[in-house]
PDB file of all heavy atoms in Angstrom:
ATOM      1  N   ASP A   1      12.798  -7.849  11.989  1.00  0.00           N
ATOM      2  CA  ASP A   1      13.076  -7.708  10.560  1.00  0.00           C
ATOM      3  C   ASP A   1      12.164  -8.590   9.710  1.00  0.00           C
ATOM      4  O   ASP A   1      11.586  -8.134   8.723  1.00  0.00           O
ATOM      5  CB  ASP A   1      14.546  -8.036  10.283  1.00  0.00           C
ATOM      6  CG  ASP A   1      14.965  -7.665   8.883  1.00  0.00           C
ATOM      7  OD1 ASP A   1      14.581  -6.563   8.423  1.00  0.00           O
ATOM      8  OD2 ASP A   1      15.672  -8.459   8.234  1.00  0.00           O
ATOM      9  N   ILE A   2      12.007  -9.842  10.096  1.00  0.00           N
ATOM     10  CA  ILE A   2      11.145 -10.764   9.340  1.00  0.00           C
ATOM     11  C   ILE A   2       9.695 -10.312   9.428  1.00  0.00           C
ATOM     12  O   ILE A   2       8.984 -10.244   8.423  1.00  0.00           O
ATOM     13  CB  ILE A   2      11.308 -12.212   9.845  1.00  0.00           C
ATOM     14  CG1 ILE A   2      12.731 -12.690   9.549  1.00  0.00           C
ATOM     15  CG2 ILE A   2      10.275 -13.130   9.214  1.00  0.00           C
ATOM     16  CD1 ILE A   2      13.094 -14.008  10.197  1.00  0.00           C
ATOM     17  N   GLY A   3       9.255  -9.979  10.638  1.00  0.00           N
ATOM     18  CA  GLY A   3       7.891  -9.491  10.822  1.00  0.00           C
ATOM     19  C   GLY A   3       7.633  -8.218  10.035  1.00  0.00           C
ATOM     20  O   GLY A   3       6.543  -8.007   9.508  1.00  0.00           O
ATOM     21  N   CYS A   4       8.652  -7.388   9.923  1.00  0.00           N
ATOM     22  CA  CYS A   4       8.542  -6.140   9.171  1.00  0.00           C
ATOM     23  C   CYS A   4       8.250  -6.427   7.700  1.00  0.00           C
ATOM     24  O   CYS A   4       7.326  -5.859   7.116  1.00  0.00           O
ATOM     25  CB  CYS A   4       9.826  -5.338   9.324  1.00  0.00           C
ATOM     26  SG  CYS A   4       9.829  -3.803   8.384  1.00  0.00           S
ATOM     27  N   HIS A   5       9.026  -7.313   7.099  1.00  0.00           N
ATOM     28  CA  HIS A   5       8.813  -7.647   5.690  1.00  0.00           C
ATOM     29  C   HIS A   5       7.442  -8.278   5.471  1.00  0.00           C
ATOM     30  O   HIS A   5       6.755  -7.967   4.486  1.00  0.00           O
ATOM     31  CB  HIS A   5       9.916  -8.578   5.184  1.00  0.00           C
ATOM     32  CG  HIS A   5      11.256  -7.922   5.106  1.00  0.00           C
ATOM     33  ND1 HIS A   5      11.547  -6.886   4.245  1.00  0.00           N
ATOM     34  CD2 HIS A   5      12.391  -8.135   5.805  1.00  0.00           C
ATOM     35  CE1 HIS A   5      12.786  -6.499   4.410  1.00  0.00           C
ATOM     36  NE2 HIS A   5      13.332  -7.242   5.357  1.00  0.00           N
ATOM     37  N   LEU A   6       7.028  -9.150   6.386  1.00  0.00           N
ATOM     38  CA  LEU A   6       5.710  -9.774   6.274  1.00  0.00           C
ATOM     39  C   LEU A   6       4.596  -8.743   6.414  1.00  0.00           C
ATOM     40  O   LEU A   6       3.589  -8.789   5.692  1.00  0.00           O
ATOM     41  CB  LEU A   6       5.553 -10.875   7.323  1.00  0.00           C
ATOM     42  CG  LEU A   6       6.441 -12.109   7.152  1.00  0.00           C
ATOM     43  CD1 LEU A   6       6.305 -13.031   8.355  1.00  0.00           C
ATOM     44  CD2 LEU A   6       6.098 -12.847   5.867  1.00  0.00           C
ATOM     45  N   LYS A   7       4.769  -7.803   7.332  1.00  0.00           N
ATOM     46  CA  LYS A   7       3.758  -6.765   7.564  1.00  0.00           C
ATOM     47  C   LYS A   7       3.644  -5.840   6.348  1.00  0.00           C
ATOM     48  O   LYS A   7       2.544  -5.433   5.974  1.00  0.00           O
ATOM     49  CB  LYS A   7       4.101  -5.974   8.825  1.00  0.00           C
ATOM     50  CG  LYS A   7       3.039  -5.002   9.250  1.00  0.00           C
ATOM     51  CD  LYS A   7       1.833  -5.717   9.782  1.00  0.00           C
ATOM     52  CE  LYS A   7       0.833  -4.708  10.331  1.00  0.00           C
ATOM     53  NZ  LYS A   7      -0.445  -5.329  10.617  1.00  0.00           N
ATOM     54  N   VAL A   8       4.779  -5.521   5.717  1.00  0.00           N
ATOM     55  CA  VAL A   8       4.747  -4.692   4.508  1.00  0.00           C
ATOM     56  C   VAL A   8       3.963  -5.418   3.419  1.00  0.00           C
ATOM     57  O   VAL A   8       3.097  -4.830   2.761  1.00  0.00           O
ATOM     58  CB  VAL A   8       6.172  -4.334   4.027  1.00  0.00           C
ATOM     59  CG1 VAL A   8       6.138  -3.762   2.605  1.00  0.00           C
ATOM     60  CG2 VAL A   8       6.830  -3.354   4.978  1.00  0.00           C
ATOM     61  N   LYS A   9       4.238  -6.688   3.228  1.00  0.00           N
ATOM     62  CA  LYS A   9       3.516  -7.476   2.216  1.00  0.00           C
ATOM     63  C   LYS A   9       2.022  -7.523   2.535  1.00  0.00           C
ATOM     64  O   LYS A   9       1.183  -7.396   1.639  1.00  0.00           O
ATOM     65  CB  LYS A   9       4.069  -8.905   2.136  1.00  0.00           C
ATOM     66  CG  LYS A   9       5.478  -8.983   1.620  1.00  0.00           C
ATOM     67  CD  LYS A   9       5.555  -8.583   0.167  1.00  0.00           C
ATOM     68  CE  LYS A   9       6.976  -8.715  -0.347  1.00  0.00           C
ATOM     69  NZ  LYS A   9       7.174  -7.990  -1.586  1.00  0.00           N
ATOM     70  N   GLN A  10       1.694  -7.690   3.812  1.00  0.00           N
ATOM     71  CA  GLN A  10       0.302  -7.717   4.234  1.00  0.00           C
ATOM     72  C   GLN A  10      -0.384  -6.386   3.919  1.00  0.00           C
ATOM     73  O   GLN A  10      -1.499  -6.369   3.390  1.00  0.00           O
ATOM     74  CB  GLN A  10       0.220  -8.014   5.734  1.00  0.00           C
ATOM     75  CG  GLN A  10      -1.190  -8.044   6.278  1.00  0.00           C
ATOM     76  CD  GLN A  10      -1.238  -8.229   7.785  1.00  0.00           C
ATOM     77  OE1 GLN A  10      -0.204  -8.279   8.461  1.00  0.00           O
ATOM     78  NE2 GLN A  10      -2.425  -8.319   8.323  1.00  0.00           N
ATOM     79  N   LEU A  11       0.280  -5.280   4.211  1.00  0.00           N
ATOM     80  CA  LEU A  11      -0.287  -3.965   3.901  1.00  0.00           C
ATOM     81  C   LEU A  11      -0.504  -3.798   2.402  1.00  0.00           C
ATOM     82  O   LEU A  11      -1.534  -3.277   1.970  1.00  0.00           O
ATOM     83  CB  LEU A  11       0.628  -2.847   4.405  1.00  0.00           C
ATOM     84  CG  LEU A  11       0.632  -2.559   5.895  1.00  0.00           C
ATOM     85  CD1 LEU A  11       1.672  -1.492   6.220  1.00  0.00           C
ATOM     86  CD2 LEU A  11      -0.733  -2.137   6.389  1.00  0.00           C
ATOM     87  N   GLN A  12       0.468  -4.243   1.613  1.00  0.00           N
ATOM     88  CA  GLN A  12       0.364  -4.102   0.160  1.00  0.00           C
ATOM     89  C   GLN A  12      -0.829  -4.869  -0.388  1.00  0.00           C
ATOM     90  O   GLN A  12      -1.459  -4.433  -1.352  1.00  0.00           O
ATOM     91  CB  GLN A  12       1.660  -4.557  -0.511  1.00  0.00           C
ATOM     92  CG  GLN A  12       2.807  -3.604  -0.265  1.00  0.00           C
ATOM     93  CD  GLN A  12       4.149  -4.149  -0.718  1.00  0.00           C
ATOM     94  OE1 GLN A  12       4.374  -5.351  -0.723  1.00  0.00           O
ATOM     95  NE2 GLN A  12       5.050  -3.254  -1.083  1.00  0.00           N
ATOM     96  N   VAL A  13      -1.161  -5.994   0.224  1.00  0.00           N
ATOM     97  CA  VAL A  13      -2.310  -6.788  -0.218  1.00  0.00           C
ATOM     98  C   VAL A  13      -3.610  -6.196   0.318  1.00  0.00           C
ATOM     99  O   VAL A  13      -4.548  -5.919  -0.435  1.00  0.00           O
ATOM    100  CB  VAL A  13      -2.162  -8.264   0.225  1.00  0.00           C
ATOM    101  CG1 VAL A  13      -3.443  -9.034   0.005  1.00  0.00           C
ATOM    102  CG2 VAL A  13      -0.996  -8.916  -0.504  1.00  0.00           C
ATOM    103  N   GLU A  14      -3.674  -5.976   1.643  1.00  0.00           N
ATOM    104  CA  GLU A  14      -4.913  -5.531   2.275  1.00  0.00           C
ATOM    105  C   GLU A  14      -5.292  -4.098   1.913  1.00  0.00           C
ATOM    106  O   GLU A  14      -6.471  -3.752   1.882  1.00  0.00           O
ATOM    107  CB  GLU A  14      -4.802  -5.664   3.792  1.00  0.00           C
ATOM    108  CG  GLU A  14      -4.755  -7.101   4.261  1.00  0.00           C
ATOM    109  CD  GLU A  14      -4.622  -7.241   5.764  1.00  0.00           C
ATOM    110  OE1 GLU A  14      -4.554  -6.212   6.477  1.00  0.00           O
ATOM    111  OE2 GLU A  14      -4.578  -8.392   6.231  1.00  0.00           O
ATOM    112  N   LYS A  15      -4.314  -3.262   1.657  1.00  0.00           N
ATOM    113  CA  LYS A  15      -4.571  -1.848   1.379  1.00  0.00           C
ATOM    114  C   LYS A  15      -4.367  -1.496  -0.094  1.00  0.00           C
ATOM    115  O   LYS A  15      -4.224  -0.333  -0.445  1.00  0.00           O
ATOM    116  CB  LYS A  15      -3.644  -0.969   2.235  1.00  0.00           C
ATOM    117  CG  LYS A  15      -3.748  -1.187   3.722  1.00  0.00           C
ATOM    118  CD  LYS A  15      -5.018  -0.640   4.274  1.00  0.00           C
ATOM    119  CE  LYS A  15      -5.031  -0.728   5.797  1.00  0.00           C
ATOM    120  NZ  LYS A  15      -6.310  -0.289   6.337  1.00  0.00           N
ATOM    121  N   LYS A  16      -4.381  -2.502  -0.948  1.00  0.00           N
ATOM    122  CA  LYS A  16      -4.100  -2.277  -2.370  1.00  0.00           C
ATOM    123  C   LYS A  16      -5.019  -1.216  -2.973  1.00  0.00           C
ATOM    124  O   LYS A  16      -4.557  -0.287  -3.648  1.00  0.00           O
ATOM    125  CB  LYS A  16      -4.211  -3.593  -3.145  1.00  0.00           C
ATOM    126  CG  LYS A  16      -3.863  -3.437  -4.601  1.00  0.00           C
ATOM    127  CD  LYS A  16      -3.878  -4.753  -5.344  1.00  0.00           C
ATOM    128  CE  LYS A  16      -3.486  -4.478  -6.787  1.00  0.00           C
ATOM    129  NZ  LYS A  16      -3.133  -5.650  -7.516  1.00  0.00           N
ATOM    130  N   GLU A  17      -6.314  -1.335  -2.757  1.00  0.00           N
ATOM    131  CA  GLU A  17      -7.255  -0.371  -3.315  1.00  0.00           C
ATOM    132  C   GLU A  17      -7.018   1.029  -2.735  1.00  0.00           C
ATOM    133  O   GLU A  17      -7.027   2.025  -3.461  1.00  0.00           O
ATOM    134  CB  GLU A  17      -8.694  -0.823  -3.039  1.00  0.00           C
ATOM    135  CG  GLU A  17      -9.730   0.040  -3.714  1.00  0.00           C
ATOM    136  CD  GLU A  17     -11.137  -0.486  -3.531  1.00  0.00           C
ATOM    137  OE1 GLU A  17     -11.317  -1.706  -3.437  1.00  0.00           O
ATOM    138  OE2 GLU A  17     -12.047   0.353  -3.497  1.00  0.00           O
ATOM    139  N   PHE A  18      -6.783   1.101  -1.437  1.00  0.00           N
ATOM    140  CA  PHE A  18      -6.491   2.373  -0.769  1.00  0.00           C
ATOM    141  C   PHE A  18      -5.238   3.008  -1.366  1.00  0.00           C
ATOM    142  O   PHE A  18      -5.223   4.200  -1.695  1.00  0.00           O
ATOM    143  CB  PHE A  18      -6.325   2.112   0.735  1.00  0.00           C
ATOM    144  CG  PHE A  18      -6.006   3.324   1.562  1.00  0.00           C
ATOM    145  CD1 PHE A  18      -6.899   4.379   1.665  1.00  0.00           C
ATOM    146  CD2 PHE A  18      -4.808   3.404   2.259  1.00  0.00           C
ATOM    147  CE1 PHE A  18      -6.606   5.497   2.438  1.00  0.00           C
ATOM    148  CE2 PHE A  18      -4.511   4.508   3.038  1.00  0.00           C
ATOM    149  CZ  PHE A  18      -5.416   5.558   3.128  1.00  0.00           C
ATOM    150  N   PHE A  19      -4.182   2.214  -1.542  1.00  0.00           N
ATOM    151  CA  PHE A  19      -2.940   2.713  -2.113  1.00  0.00           C
ATOM    152  C   PHE A  19      -3.135   3.155  -3.565  1.00  0.00           C
ATOM    153  O   PHE A  19      -2.585   4.169  -3.992  1.00  0.00           O
ATOM    154  CB  PHE A  19      -1.828   1.660  -2.017  1.00  0.00           C
ATOM    155  CG  PHE A  19      -1.353   1.383  -0.612  1.00  0.00           C
ATOM    156  CD1 PHE A  19      -0.679   0.216  -0.336  1.00  0.00           C
ATOM    157  CD2 PHE A  19      -1.575   2.268   0.427  1.00  0.00           C
ATOM    158  CE1 PHE A  19      -0.219  -0.054   0.955  1.00  0.00           C
ATOM    159  CE2 PHE A  19      -1.131   2.020   1.716  1.00  0.00           C
ATOM    160  CZ  PHE A  19      -0.448   0.850   1.980  1.00  0.00           C
ATOM    161  N   ASN A  20      -3.932   2.405  -4.321  1.00  0.00           N
ATOM    162  CA  ASN A  20      -4.224   2.792  -5.708  1.00  0.00           C
ATOM    163  C   ASN A  20      -4.938   4.148  -5.762  1.00  0.00           C
ATOM    164  O   ASN A  20      -4.647   4.980  -6.622  1.00  0.00           O
ATOM    165  CB  ASN A  20      -5.064   1.733  -6.415  1.00  0.00           C
ATOM    166  CG  ASN A  20      -4.271   0.493  -6.777  1.00  0.00           C
ATOM    167  OD1 ASN A  20      -3.044   0.517  -6.832  1.00  0.00           O
ATOM    168  ND2 ASN A  20      -4.970  -0.600  -7.006  1.00  0.00           N
ATOM    169  N   GLN A  21      -5.860   4.367  -4.834  1.00  0.00           N
ATOM    170  CA  GLN A  21      -6.571   5.643  -4.781  1.00  0.00           C
ATOM    171  C   GLN A  21      -5.620   6.785  -4.414  1.00  0.00           C
ATOM    172  O   GLN A  21      -5.732   7.889  -4.955  1.00  0.00           O
ATOM    173  CB  GLN A  21      -7.736   5.565  -3.789  1.00  0.00           C
ATOM    174  CG  GLN A  21      -8.848   4.660  -4.269  1.00  0.00           C
ATOM    175  CD  GLN A  21      -9.895   4.380  -3.215  1.00  0.00           C
ATOM    176  OE1 GLN A  21      -9.674   4.582  -2.023  1.00  0.00           O
ATOM    177  NE2 GLN A  21     -11.053   3.895  -3.653  1.00  0.00           N
ATOM    178  N   LEU A  22      -4.672   6.514  -3.529  1.00  0.00           N
ATOM    179  CA  LEU A  22      -3.675   7.533  -3.184  1.00  0.00           C
ATOM    180  C   LEU A  22      -2.803   7.870  -4.395  1.00  0.00           C
ATOM    181  O   LEU A  22      -2.484   9.037  -4.627  1.00  0.00           O
ATOM    182  CB  LEU A  22      -2.799   7.065  -2.017  1.00  0.00           C
ATOM    183  CG  LEU A  22      -3.459   7.068  -0.642  1.00  0.00           C
ATOM    184  CD1 LEU A  22      -2.595   6.325   0.372  1.00  0.00           C
ATOM    185  CD2 LEU A  22      -3.718   8.494  -0.172  1.00  0.00           C
ATOM    186  N   GLU A  23      -2.451   6.859  -5.167  1.00  0.00           N
ATOM    187  CA  GLU A  23      -1.660   7.096  -6.378  1.00  0.00           C
ATOM    188  C   GLU A  23      -2.452   7.928  -7.389  1.00  0.00           C
ATOM    189  O   GLU A  23      -1.895   8.822  -8.033  1.00  0.00           O
ATOM    190  CB  GLU A  23      -1.219   5.771  -7.005  1.00  0.00           C
ATOM    191  CG  GLU A  23      -0.148   5.057  -6.213  1.00  0.00           C
ATOM    192  CD  GLU A  23       0.204   3.680  -6.747  1.00  0.00           C
ATOM    193  OE1 GLU A  23      -0.546   3.121  -7.579  1.00  0.00           O
ATOM    194  OE2 GLU A  23       1.244   3.160  -6.310  1.00  0.00           O
ATOM    195  N   GLU A  24      -3.748   7.677  -7.495  1.00  0.00           N
ATOM    196  CA  GLU A  24      -4.599   8.452  -8.392  1.00  0.00           C
ATOM    197  C   GLU A  24      -4.681   9.908  -7.915  1.00  0.00           C
ATOM    198  O   GLU A  24      -4.635  10.839  -8.725  1.00  0.00           O
ATOM    199  CB  GLU A  24      -5.996   7.830  -8.479  1.00  0.00           C
ATOM    200  CG  GLU A  24      -6.029   6.535  -9.240  1.00  0.00           C
ATOM    201  CD  GLU A  24      -7.384   5.834  -9.181  1.00  0.00           C
ATOM    202  OE1 GLU A  24      -8.378   6.442  -8.739  1.00  0.00           O
ATOM    203  OE2 GLU A  24      -7.443   4.653  -9.582  1.00  0.00           O
ATOM    204  N   TYR A  25      -4.812  10.099  -6.625  1.00  0.00           N
ATOM    205  CA  TYR A  25      -4.836  11.443  -6.035  1.00  0.00           C
ATOM    206  C   TYR A  25      -3.529  12.160  -6.357  1.00  0.00           C
ATOM    207  O   TYR A  25      -3.524  13.310  -6.807  1.00  0.00           O
ATOM    208  CB  TYR A  25      -5.037  11.356  -4.510  1.00  0.00           C
ATOM    209  CG  TYR A  25      -4.932  12.677  -3.806  1.00  0.00           C
ATOM    210  CD1 TYR A  25      -6.059  13.483  -3.621  1.00  0.00           C
ATOM    211  CD2 TYR A  25      -3.719  13.147  -3.299  1.00  0.00           C
ATOM    212  CE1 TYR A  25      -5.980  14.711  -2.980  1.00  0.00           C
ATOM    213  CE2 TYR A  25      -3.622  14.359  -2.646  1.00  0.00           C
ATOM    214  CZ  TYR A  25      -4.753  15.137  -2.491  1.00  0.00           C
ATOM    215  OH  TYR A  25      -4.659  16.353  -1.851  1.00  0.00           O
ATOM    216  N   TYR A  26      -2.417  11.470  -6.147  1.00  0.00           N
ATOM    217  CA  TYR A  26      -1.105  12.052  -6.413  1.00  0.00           C
ATOM    218  C   TYR A  26      -0.977  12.436  -7.883  1.00  0.00           C
ATOM    219  O   TYR A  26      -0.513  13.526  -8.212  1.00  0.00           O
ATOM    220  CB  TYR A  26      -0.011  11.068  -6.001  1.00  0.00           C
ATOM    221  CG  TYR A  26       1.386  11.615  -6.171  1.00  0.00           C
ATOM    222  CD1 TYR A  26       1.929  12.472  -5.219  1.00  0.00           C
ATOM    223  CD2 TYR A  26       2.159  11.296  -7.278  1.00  0.00           C
ATOM    224  CE1 TYR A  26       3.204  12.998  -5.360  1.00  0.00           C
ATOM    225  CE2 TYR A  26       3.430  11.816  -7.435  1.00  0.00           C
ATOM    226  CZ  TYR A  26       3.951  12.658  -6.467  1.00  0.00           C
ATOM    227  OH  TYR A  26       5.208  13.179  -6.626  1.00  0.00           O
ATOM    228  N   ASP A  27      -1.403  11.539  -8.754  1.00  0.00           N
ATOM    229  CA  ASP A  27      -1.320  11.799 -10.190  1.00  0.00           C
ATOM    230  C   ASP A  27      -2.161  13.008 -10.585  1.00  0.00           C
ATOM    231  O   ASP A  27      -1.750  13.820 -11.414  1.00  0.00           O
ATOM    232  CB  ASP A  27      -1.790  10.543 -10.961  1.00  0.00           C
ATOM    233  CG  ASP A  27      -1.549  10.661 -12.454  1.00  0.00           C
ATOM    234  OD1 ASP A  27      -0.436  11.054 -12.843  1.00  0.00           O
ATOM    235  OD2 ASP A  27      -2.472  10.351 -13.215  1.00  0.00           O
ATOM    236  N   ALA A  28      -3.316  13.167  -9.964  1.00  0.00           N
ATOM    237  CA  ALA A  28      -4.217  14.263 -10.297  1.00  0.00           C
ATOM    238  C   ALA A  28      -3.740  15.614  -9.773  1.00  0.00           C
ATOM    239  O   ALA A  28      -3.899  16.643 -10.437  1.00  0.00           O
ATOM    240  CB  ALA A  28      -5.621  13.980  -9.759  1.00  0.00           C
ATOM    241  N   PHE A  29      -3.125  15.620  -8.579  1.00  0.00           N
ATOM    242  CA  PHE A  29      -2.787  16.897  -7.932  1.00  0.00           C
ATOM    243  C   PHE A  29      -1.315  17.254  -7.958  1.00  0.00           C
ATOM    244  O   PHE A  29      -0.938  18.367  -7.625  1.00  0.00           O
ATOM    245  CB  PHE A  29      -3.315  16.899  -6.492  1.00  0.00           C
ATOM    246  CG  PHE A  29      -4.813  16.941  -6.424  1.00  0.00           C
ATOM    247  CD1 PHE A  29      -5.530  15.761  -6.255  1.00  0.00           C
ATOM    248  CD2 PHE A  29      -5.505  18.116  -6.552  1.00  0.00           C
ATOM    249  CE1 PHE A  29      -6.920  15.774  -6.209  1.00  0.00           C
ATOM    250  CE2 PHE A  29      -6.881  18.153  -6.503  1.00  0.00           C
ATOM    251  CZ  PHE A  29      -7.601  16.965  -6.339  1.00  0.00           C
TER     252      PHE A  29
END
């Protein structure tokens, strides 16, 4: 459980640009 929360936070930081691009794709299509 603790590792899960830490891993989610890590993904949110490391993949921020990737996630932003996915949100832009979603918004466009």
